[in-house]
């Protein structure tokens, strides 16, 4: 299996046609803040992925491949408040290619704000 970790958007061209690539990802539709540990992650890709992997670690320590279920998936952030960066990999239909997207988006997890009314 060939692993490719580019510095920017990656696509795998065959005869000038982009056959497989992970173009970008977004967290909570591009939000920069959240008060929930569970976020929606959307992948923008080319081709037919069969599996994905998401992690807060660039080395994907402890992460495992999950069967592809669509371009938007849920991810539970680690405990603790602050900036969380997500990393994503996709695996191609024939399992011969793995692609990652960098730079990756971040989101700031913070406490809920209390609203006081009189």
Protein backbone atom coordinates (compact mmCIF):
# COMPACT_ATOMS: atom_id res chain seq x y z
CA UNK A 1 0.00 0.00 0.00
CA UNK A 2 1.31 3.44 -0.88
CA UNK A 3 0.76 6.21 1.67
CA UNK A 4 0.84 9.81 0.60
CA UNK A 5 0.82 12.70 3.05
CA UNK A 6 0.98 15.94 1.08
CA UNK A 7 1.42 19.48 2.31
CA UNK A 8 -1.63 20.66 0.39
CA UNK A 9 -4.58 19.28 -1.53
CA UNK A 10 -3.80 15.93 -3.11
CA UNK A 11 -5.31 14.23 -6.12
CA UNK A 12 -4.15 11.09 -7.86
CA UNK A 13 -4.33 11.68 -11.63
CA UNK A 14 -4.57 8.89 -14.18
CA UNK A 15 -4.09 10.01 -17.78
CA UNK A 16 -4.85 13.60 -16.76
CA UNK A 17 -8.10 12.67 -15.01
CA UNK A 18 -8.26 12.98 -11.23
CA UNK A 19 -9.26 9.51 -10.09
CA UNK A 20 -8.92 9.75 -6.30
CA UNK A 21 -8.22 12.57 -3.90
CA UNK A 22 -9.14 14.29 -0.67
CA UNK A 23 -9.59 17.95 -1.56
CA UNK A 24 -10.53 19.39 1.84
CA UNK A 25 -12.41 18.79 5.05
CA UNK A 26 -14.54 21.07 7.21
CA UNK A 27 -15.65 20.84 10.82
CA UNK A 28 -19.20 21.91 11.75
CA UNK A 29 -19.65 23.61 8.36
CA UNK A 30 -16.58 25.77 8.89
CA UNK A 31 -17.31 26.96 12.43
CA UNK A 32 -14.32 27.97 14.51
CA UNK A 33 -16.01 27.43 17.90
CA UNK A 34 -18.12 24.72 19.49
CA UNK A 35 -19.44 23.86 22.94
CA UNK A 36 -20.09 20.21 22.04
CA UNK A 37 -17.52 17.40 22.04
CA UNK A 38 -19.32 15.85 19.05
CA UNK A 39 -18.66 17.56 15.73
CA UNK A 40 -19.66 16.95 12.11
CA UNK A 41 -16.77 16.44 9.71
CA UNK A 42 -17.40 16.78 5.97
CA UNK A 43 -14.97 15.46 3.40
CA UNK A 44 -14.72 16.95 -0.10
CA UNK A 45 -13.18 14.30 -2.30
CA UNK A 46 -12.82 12.83 -5.78
CA UNK A 47 -13.29 9.15 -6.51
CA UNK A 48 -14.84 6.39 -4.44
CA UNK A 49 -13.53 6.00 -0.91
CA UNK A 50 -14.25 2.77 0.96
CA UNK A 51 -12.86 3.71 4.37
CA UNK A 52 -11.84 6.76 6.35
CA UNK A 53 -9.78 7.50 9.42
CA UNK A 54 -10.12 10.57 11.67
CA UNK A 55 -7.83 11.56 14.51
CA UNK A 56 -6.61 14.49 16.56
CA UNK A 57 -3.11 13.05 16.09
CA UNK A 58 -1.20 13.60 12.84
CA UNK A 59 0.27 10.11 13.29
CA UNK A 60 -3.26 8.66 13.68
CA UNK A 61 -2.21 6.90 16.89
CA UNK A 62 -5.08 4.78 18.19
CA UNK A 63 -7.28 5.48 15.14
CA UNK A 64 -8.65 2.72 12.93
CA UNK A 65 -10.23 2.47 9.50
CA UNK A 66 -14.02 2.91 9.45
CA UNK A 67 -16.25 1.84 6.55
CA UNK A 68 -17.23 4.83 4.39
CA UNK A 69 -20.81 5.90 5.08
CA UNK A 70 -21.00 9.23 3.28
CA UNK A 71 -19.25 12.57 3.04
CA UNK A 72 -20.33 13.79 6.51
CA UNK A 73 -19.48 11.83 9.66
CA UNK A 74 -19.59 12.49 13.39
CA UNK A 75 -16.43 12.67 15.50
CA UNK A 76 -16.08 12.93 19.28
CA UNK A 77 -13.33 15.33 20.32
CA UNK A 78 -11.01 14.51 23.21
CA UNK A 79 -11.83 15.88 26.64
CA UNK A 80 -10.54 19.26 27.70
CA UNK A 81 -11.16 22.71 26.29
CA UNK A 82 -9.07 24.46 23.67
CA UNK A 83 -8.08 24.21 20.03
CA UNK A 84 -8.63 20.77 18.48
CA UNK A 85 -7.11 19.90 15.10
CA UNK A 86 -8.48 17.01 13.06
CA UNK A 87 -6.62 14.87 10.55
CA UNK A 88 -8.35 12.68 7.97
CA UNK A 89 -7.32 9.87 5.63
CA UNK A 90 -9.33 8.17 2.91
CA UNK A 91 -8.68 4.74 1.40
CA UNK A 92 -9.40 4.11 -2.28
CA UNK A 93 -11.84 1.60 -3.70
CA UNK A 94 -9.13 -0.94 -4.55
CA UNK A 95 -7.24 -0.25 -1.29
CA UNK A 96 -4.13 0.72 -3.24
CA UNK A 97 -4.09 4.39 -2.25
CA UNK A 98 -4.37 6.26 1.00
CA UNK A 99 -4.58 10.04 0.96
CA UNK A 100 -4.50 12.62 3.72
CA UNK A 101 -5.44 16.27 3.66
CA UNK A 102 -3.21 19.00 5.06
CA UNK A 103 -3.46 21.71 6.24
CA UNK A 104 -6.23 20.50 8.50
CA UNK A 105 -8.98 22.54 10.09
CA UNK A 106 -9.19 23.28 13.80
CA UNK A 107 -12.06 24.10 16.11
CA UNK A 108 -12.07 25.69 19.56
CA UNK A 109 -13.95 23.61 22.15
CA UNK A 110 -15.08 25.78 25.06
CA UNK A 111 -17.59 25.75 27.88
CA UNK A 112 -21.21 26.67 27.29
CA UNK A 113 -22.05 30.25 28.11
CA UNK A 114 -24.71 30.81 30.74
CA UNK A 115 -27.52 33.14 29.87
CA UNK A 116 -28.98 34.97 32.83
CA UNK A 117 -32.31 36.73 32.55
CA UNK A 118 -34.21 38.82 35.08
